[in-house]
C-alpha atoms as a PDB file:
ATOM      1  CA  THR A   1     116.941 105.417 101.855  1.00  0.00           C
ATOM      2  CA  ALA A   2     117.139 107.415 105.298  1.00  0.00           C
ATOM      3  CA  GLN A   3     116.883 111.177 105.670  1.00  0.00           C
ATOM      4  CA  ALA A   4     119.202 113.232 107.893  1.00  0.00           C
ATOM      5  CA  SER A   5     117.889 114.392 111.042  1.00  0.00           C
ATOM      6  CA  PRO A   6     115.809 117.523 111.039  1.00  0.00           C
ATOM      7  CA  ALA A   7     115.529 119.990 113.686  1.00  0.00           C
ATOM      8  CA  THR A   8     113.379 119.119 116.632  1.00  0.00           C
ATOM      9  CA  THR A   9     111.089 122.011 115.662  1.00  0.00           C
ATOM     10  CA  ASN A  10     107.787 121.738 113.457  1.00  0.00           C
ATOM     11  CA  GLN A  11     109.159 121.737 109.879  1.00  0.00           C
ATOM     12  CA  ASN A  12     105.748 122.896 108.051  1.00  0.00           C
ATOM     13  CA  THR A  13     107.641 125.452 106.338  1.00  0.00           C
ATOM     14  CA  SER A  14     105.851 127.716 103.991  1.00  0.00           C
ATOM     15  CA  TYR A  15     102.824 125.595 104.315  1.00  0.00           C
ATOM     16  CA  ASN A  16     102.677 125.888 108.387  1.00  0.00           C
ATOM     17  CA  ASN A  17      99.832 128.306 108.781  1.00  0.00           C
ATOM     18  CA  SER A  18      97.897 127.919 105.293  1.00  0.00           C
ATOM     19  CA  THR A  19      94.481 126.780 105.760  1.00  0.00           C
ATOM     20  CA  LEU A  20      92.341 126.046 102.622  1.00  0.00           C
ATOM     21  CA  LYS A  21      88.839 126.720 102.437  1.00  0.00           C
ATOM     22  CA  LYS A  22      85.961 126.080  99.897  1.00  0.00           C
ATOM     23  CA  SER A  23      85.643 128.916  97.287  1.00  0.00           C
ATOM     24  CA  ALA A  24      82.034 128.956  96.375  1.00  0.00           C
ATOM     25  CA  ASP A  25      82.585 131.043  93.148  1.00  0.00           C
ATOM     26  CA  ASN A  26      85.303 128.422  91.418  1.00  0.00           C
ATOM     27  CA  ASN A  27      83.357 125.256  90.083  1.00  0.00           C
ATOM     28  CA  ILE A  28      85.953 124.825  87.433  1.00  0.00           C
ATOM     29  CA  LEU A  29      88.997 122.598  87.710  1.00  0.00           C
ATOM     30  CA  ASN A  30      92.123 124.567  86.675  1.00  0.00           C
ATOM     31  CA  LYS A  31      94.663 123.155  84.547  1.00  0.00           C
ATOM     32  CA  GLU A  32      97.212 122.584  87.253  1.00  0.00           C
ATOM     33  CA  ALA A  33      94.833 120.669  89.371  1.00  0.00           C
ATOM     34  CA  ALA A  34      93.470 118.711  86.449  1.00  0.00           C
ATOM     35  CA  LEU A  35      97.021 117.489  85.958  1.00  0.00           C
ATOM     36  CA  LEU A  36      97.650 117.077  89.624  1.00  0.00           C
ATOM     37  CA  PHE A  37      94.620 114.851  90.302  1.00  0.00           C
ATOM     38  CA  LYS A  38      94.414 113.055  86.731  1.00  0.00           C
ATOM     39  CA  ASN A  39      93.101 109.624  87.394  1.00  0.00           C
ATOM     40  CA  ILE A  40      93.036 109.967  91.210  1.00  0.00           C
ATOM     41  CA  LYS A  41      89.987 108.662  93.006  1.00  0.00           C
ATOM     42  CA  THR A  42      89.206 111.076  95.653  1.00  0.00           C
ATOM     43  CA  LYS A  43      85.977 112.796  97.375  1.00  0.00           C
ATOM     44  CA  LEU A  44      87.528 116.168  97.243  1.00  0.00           C
ATOM     45  CA  THR A  45      85.192 119.103  95.583  1.00  0.00           C
ATOM     46  CA  ILE A  46      86.529 121.002  92.551  1.00  0.00           C
ATOM     47  CA  GLN A  47      87.176 123.790  94.847  1.00  0.00           C
ATOM     48  CA  GLN A  48      89.276 121.785  97.219  1.00  0.00           C
ATOM     49  CA  LYS A  49      91.144 120.368  94.479  1.00  0.00           C
ATOM     50  CA  ASN A  50      91.980 123.771  93.166  1.00  0.00           C
ATOM     51  CA  LYS A  51      92.845 125.237  96.513  1.00  0.00           C
ATOM     52  CA  ILE A  52      95.080 122.325  97.492  1.00  0.00           C
ATOM     53  CA  CYS A  53      96.765 122.708  93.883  1.00  0.00           C
ATOM     54  CA  ASP A  54      96.964 126.377  94.512  1.00  0.00           C
ATOM     55  CA  SER A  55      98.648 126.396  97.633  1.00  0.00           C
ATOM     56  CA  LEU A  56     101.209 124.205  96.197  1.00  0.00           C
ATOM     57  CA  GLY A  57     102.209 126.991  93.886  1.00  0.00           C
ATOM     58  CA  PHE A  58     102.786 124.466  91.203  1.00  0.00           C
ATOM     59  CA  LYS A  59     102.820 125.995  87.267  1.00  0.00           C
ATOM     60  CA  LEU A  60     102.626 123.779  84.175  1.00  0.00           C
ATOM     61  CA  SER A  61     105.699 123.083  82.369  1.00  0.00           C
ATOM     62  CA  LYS A  62     106.092 124.121  78.762  1.00  0.00           C
ATOM     63  CA  ASP A  63     104.480 120.830  77.482  1.00  0.00           C
ATOM     64  CA  GLY A  64     101.771 120.915  80.021  1.00  0.00           C
ATOM     65  CA  LYS A  65     102.592 117.205  80.924  1.00  0.00           C
ATOM     66  CA  GLN A  66     104.642 118.075  84.179  1.00  0.00           C
ATOM     67  CA  PHE A  67     105.002 120.989  86.696  1.00  0.00           C
ATOM     68  CA  ILE A  68     107.540 123.540  87.583  1.00  0.00           C
ATOM     69  CA  SER A  69     107.913 125.539  90.767  1.00  0.00           C
ATOM     70  CA  ASP A  70     108.428 129.136  89.028  1.00  0.00           C
ATOM     71  CA  ASP A  71     109.482 130.694  85.639  1.00  0.00           C
ATOM     72  CA  GLU A  72     113.059 130.184  86.426  1.00  0.00           C
ATOM     73  CA  SER A  73     113.065 126.657  86.890  1.00  0.00           C
ATOM     74  CA  ALA A  74     111.469 126.019  83.730  1.00  0.00           C
ATOM     75  CA  ASP A  75     114.456 123.768  82.623  1.00  0.00           C
ATOM     76  CA  TYR A  76     113.666 121.348  85.527  1.00  0.00           C
ATOM     77  CA  PRO A  77     110.107 120.373  85.375  1.00  0.00           C
ATOM     78  CA  PHE A  78     108.949 117.607  87.784  1.00  0.00           C
ATOM     79  CA  ASP A  79     106.259 115.026  88.329  1.00  0.00           C
ATOM     80  CA  ALA A  80     103.822 115.053  91.249  1.00  0.00           C
ATOM     81  CA  ALA A  81     101.711 112.090  92.701  1.00  0.00           C
ATOM     82  CA  VAL A  82      98.592 112.234  94.931  1.00  0.00           C
ATOM     83  CA  TYR A  83      97.498 109.659  97.481  1.00  0.00           C
ATOM     84  CA  PRO A  84      94.403 110.127  99.172  1.00  0.00           C
ATOM     85  CA  THR A  85      94.040 108.200 102.409  1.00  0.00           C
ATOM     86  CA  ASP A  86      91.936 108.161 105.572  1.00  0.00           C
ATOM     87  CA  LEU A  87      94.654 107.811 108.233  1.00  0.00           C
ATOM     88  CA  ASN A  88      92.237 108.330 111.103  1.00  0.00           C
ATOM     89  CA  LYS A  89      89.009 106.575 109.904  1.00  0.00           C
ATOM     90  CA  ASP A  90      86.767 109.655 110.282  1.00  0.00           C
ATOM     91  CA  GLY A  91      85.316 109.915 106.829  1.00  0.00           C
ATOM     92  CA  SER A  92      87.600 112.866 105.674  1.00  0.00           C
ATOM     93  CA  GLU A  93      90.433 112.337 103.475  1.00  0.00           C
ATOM     94  CA  GLU A  94      94.013 113.073 104.152  1.00  0.00           C
ATOM     95  CA  ILE A  95      96.033 113.823 100.735  1.00  0.00           C
ATOM     96  CA  PHE A  96      99.606 113.271 100.349  1.00  0.00           C
ATOM     97  CA  VAL A  97     101.569 114.980  97.591  1.00  0.00           C
ATOM     98  CA  VAL A  98     105.054 113.871  96.837  1.00  0.00           C
ATOM     99  CA  TYR A  99     106.781 116.129  94.051  1.00  0.00           C
ATOM    100  CA  GLY A 100     109.921 117.338  92.894  1.00  0.00           C
ATOM    101  CA  ASN A 101     113.468 116.375  91.692  1.00  0.00           C
ATOM    102  CA  THR A 102     116.820 117.409  92.864  1.00  0.00           C
ATOM    103  CA  TYR A 103     116.573 120.861  91.600  1.00  0.00           C
ATOM    104  CA  THR A 104     113.401 121.451  94.010  1.00  0.00           C
ATOM    105  CA  SER A 105     114.090 119.015  96.802  1.00  0.00           C
ATOM    106  CA  GLY A 106     118.021 118.613  97.036  1.00  0.00           C
ATOM    107  CA  MET A 107     119.519 115.023  97.651  1.00  0.00           C
ATOM    108  CA  ALA A 108     116.130 113.630  98.639  1.00  0.00           C
ATOM    109  CA  GLY A 109     114.702 113.958  95.192  1.00  0.00           C
ATOM    110  CA  SER A 110     111.404 114.869  96.181  1.00  0.00           C
ATOM    111  CA  SER A 111     109.190 116.727  98.761  1.00  0.00           C
ATOM    112  CA  ILE A 112     106.366 115.482 100.802  1.00  0.00           C
ATOM    113  CA  VAL A 113     103.364 117.352 101.925  1.00  0.00           C
ATOM    114  CA  VAL A 114     100.061 115.939 103.626  1.00  0.00           C
ATOM    115  CA  PHE A 115      96.755 117.769 103.536  1.00  0.00           C
ATOM    116  CA  ILE A 116      94.274 117.265 106.584  1.00  0.00           C
ATOM    117  CA  ALA A 117      90.835 118.254 106.670  1.00  0.00           C
ATOM    118  CA  ASP A 118      89.769 120.900 109.430  1.00  0.00           C
ATOM    119  CA  LYS A 119      86.347 121.311 110.909  1.00  0.00           C
ATOM    120  CA  ASN A 120      85.431 124.022 108.256  1.00  0.00           C
ATOM    121  CA  ASP A 121      85.500 121.633 105.326  1.00  0.00           C
ATOM    122  CA  GLY A 122      89.005 123.050 104.309  1.00  0.00           C
ATOM    123  CA  TYR A 123      92.354 121.581 104.357  1.00  0.00           C
ATOM    124  CA  LYS A 124      95.765 122.478 106.357  1.00  0.00           C
ATOM    125  CA  THR A 125      99.000 121.488 105.173  1.00  0.00           C
ATOM    126  CA  ASN A 126     101.600 119.550 106.952  1.00  0.00           C
ATOM    127  CA  LEU A 127     105.214 118.803 106.552  1.00  0.00           C
ATOM    128  CA  GLY A 128     106.361 120.356 103.443  1.00  0.00           C
ATOM    129  CA  PHE A 129     110.022 119.610 103.223  1.00  0.00           C
ATOM    130  CA  PRO A 130     112.209 117.290 100.987  1.00  0.00           C
ATOM    131  CA  GLY A 131     111.662 113.561 101.596  1.00  0.00           C
ATOM    132  CA  MET A 132     109.827 110.571 100.277  1.00  0.00           C
ATOM    133  CA  LEU A 133     106.321 109.201 100.682  1.00  0.00           C
ATOM    134  CA  PRO A 134     106.164 108.040 104.365  1.00  0.00           C
ATOM    135  CA  ASP A 135     105.523 104.904 105.970  1.00  0.00           C
ATOM    136  CA  ALA A 136     102.522 104.822 108.684  1.00  0.00           C
ATOM    137  CA  LEU A 137     103.792 103.214 111.738  1.00  0.00           C
ATOM    138  CA  ALA A 138     101.701 101.202 114.100  1.00  0.00           C
ATOM    139  CA  THR A 139     102.134 103.714 116.725  1.00  0.00           C
ATOM    140  CA  GLN A 140      99.860 106.595 116.690  1.00  0.00           C
ATOM    141  CA  ASN A 141      98.458 109.548 118.354  1.00  0.00           C
ATOM    142  CA  SER A 142      94.858 110.942 118.525  1.00  0.00           C
ATOM    143  CA  GLY A 143      93.737 108.254 115.627  1.00  0.00           C
ATOM    144  CA  TYR A 144      96.842 109.409 113.269  1.00  0.00           C
ATOM    145  CA  PRO A 145      99.662 107.132 112.748  1.00  0.00           C
ATOM    146  CA  ASP A 146     103.171 108.121 113.095  1.00  0.00           C
ATOM    147  CA  LEU A 147     104.765 108.778 109.964  1.00  0.00           C
ATOM    148  CA  LEU A 148     108.245 107.702 109.250  1.00  0.00           C
ATOM    149  CA  ILE A 149     109.916 109.765 106.276  1.00  0.00           C
ATOM    150  CA  GLY A 150     112.770 108.734 104.136  1.00  0.00           C
ATOM    151  CA  GLY A 151     115.309 110.639 102.509  1.00  0.00           C
ATOM    152  CA  PRO A 152     119.130 110.638 102.037  1.00  0.00           C
ATOM    153  CA  GLY A 153     121.154 109.798 105.197  1.00  0.00           C
ATOM    154  CA  MET A 154     121.320 107.033 107.948  1.00  0.00           C
ATOM    155  CA  GLN A 155     118.335 108.075 109.866  1.00  0.00           C
ATOM    156  CA  PHE A 156     114.876 108.100 109.505  1.00  0.00           C
ATOM    157  CA  PRO A 157     112.869 111.147 111.078  1.00  0.00           C
ATOM    158  CA  VAL A 158     109.377 109.989 112.732  1.00  0.00           C
ATOM    159  CA  TRP A 159     106.909 112.736 112.955  1.00  0.00           C
ATOM    160  CA  ARG A 160     103.594 112.455 115.480  1.00  0.00           C
ATOM    161  CA  TRP A 161     100.332 114.098 115.242  1.00  0.00           C
ATOM    162  CA  ASN A 162      99.954 116.555 118.019  1.00  0.00           C
ATOM    163  CA  GLY A 163      96.074 117.360 117.508  1.00  0.00           C
ATOM    164  CA  LYS A 164      96.808 120.122 115.088  1.00  0.00           C
ATOM    165  CA  VAL A 165      99.725 119.156 113.154  1.00  0.00           C
ATOM    166  CA  TYR A 166     102.629 116.622 112.479  1.00  0.00           C
ATOM    167  CA  ASP A 167     105.528 117.495 114.701  1.00  0.00           C
ATOM    168  CA  TYR A 168     109.053 116.031 114.699  1.00  0.00           C
ATOM    169  CA  LEU A 169     109.113 113.296 117.501  1.00  0.00           C
ATOM    170  CA  LYS A 170     112.473 111.093 116.918  1.00  0.00           C
ATOM    171  CA  GLU A 171     114.674 109.362 114.885  1.00  0.00           C
ATOM    172  CA  VAL A 172     115.147 105.868 113.930  1.00  0.00           C
ATOM    173  CA  LYS A 173     118.531 104.363 112.971  1.00  0.00           C
ATOM    174  CA  ASP A 174     118.854 102.760 109.647  1.00  0.00           C
ATOM    175  CA  ALA A 175     119.478  99.341 111.529  1.00  0.00           C
ATOM    176  CA  ASP A 176     116.188  99.428 113.309  1.00  0.00           C
ATOM    177  CA  TYR A 177     113.992 100.399 110.056  1.00  0.00           C
ATOM    178  CA  GLU A 178     113.403  96.597 109.432  1.00  0.00           C
ATOM    179  CA  LYS A 179     112.160  95.920 113.003  1.00  0.00           C
ATOM    180  CA  LEU A 180     109.285  98.501 112.997  1.00  0.00           C
ATOM    181  CA  LYS A 181     105.717  97.641 111.928  1.00  0.00           C
ATOM    182  CA  LYS A 182     104.656 100.027 108.872  1.00  0.00           C
ATOM    183  CA  THR A 183     102.633  99.977 106.170  1.00  0.00           C
ATOM    184  CA  SER A 184     103.470 102.243 103.046  1.00  0.00           C
ATOM    185  CA  ILE A 185     101.130 105.450 102.174  1.00  0.00           C
ATOM    186  CA  GLU A 186     101.285 104.208  98.708  1.00  0.00           C
ATOM    187  CA  ASP A 187      99.659 100.718 100.089  1.00  0.00           C
ATOM    188  CA  LEU A 188      97.275 102.738 102.453  1.00  0.00           C
ATOM    189  CA  SER A 189      95.801 104.848  99.552  1.00  0.00           C
ATOM    190  CA  LYS A 190      95.561 101.847  97.132  1.00  0.00           C
ATOM    191  CA  ALA A 191      93.192 100.219  99.682  1.00  0.00           C
ATOM    192  CA  TYR A 192      91.591 103.261 100.472  1.00  0.00           C
ATOM    193  CA  THR A 193      90.627 104.080  96.765  1.00  0.00           C
ATOM    194  CA  THR A 194      89.676 100.371  95.791  1.00  0.00           C
END
């Protein structure tokens, strides 16, 4: 399904200026990160996993098998899925996280965040809004593919890497979706991790 058009400004919400850096004093995977990265093949360090999970702000649900966003949303637990990739083939992973439900993400039913490595061996957050796991388009900028993000509505927003963050580029109409050369991030992640 397509997502209604976002504003043409960067939609990085609360994740916009967050930079994740290694924490030398934390060598134990926290419970939330252990659940988030359970059975995920990645090159991330324990510290990087903890920082990524901490930046998402997830808490464990009562049964410890799902997440909640805060104590007030304890009746609305959600799952989260992690998709490691190397979009620009530089040897550093990009980490996509899809999470949520209609309580956390509205009609889209999920939200999408991508963590991109910075020059300091940390990770910066990008996107951070309701939507489905993106498709990587054949078009690209600076080695990163354009991302088409689905959700409710009749148009698909396309986001382009500007050298620092993914910015809104344009919309693709529902009728033109099938004509695009694209690969799902899920398929890219499977290929990367096998």
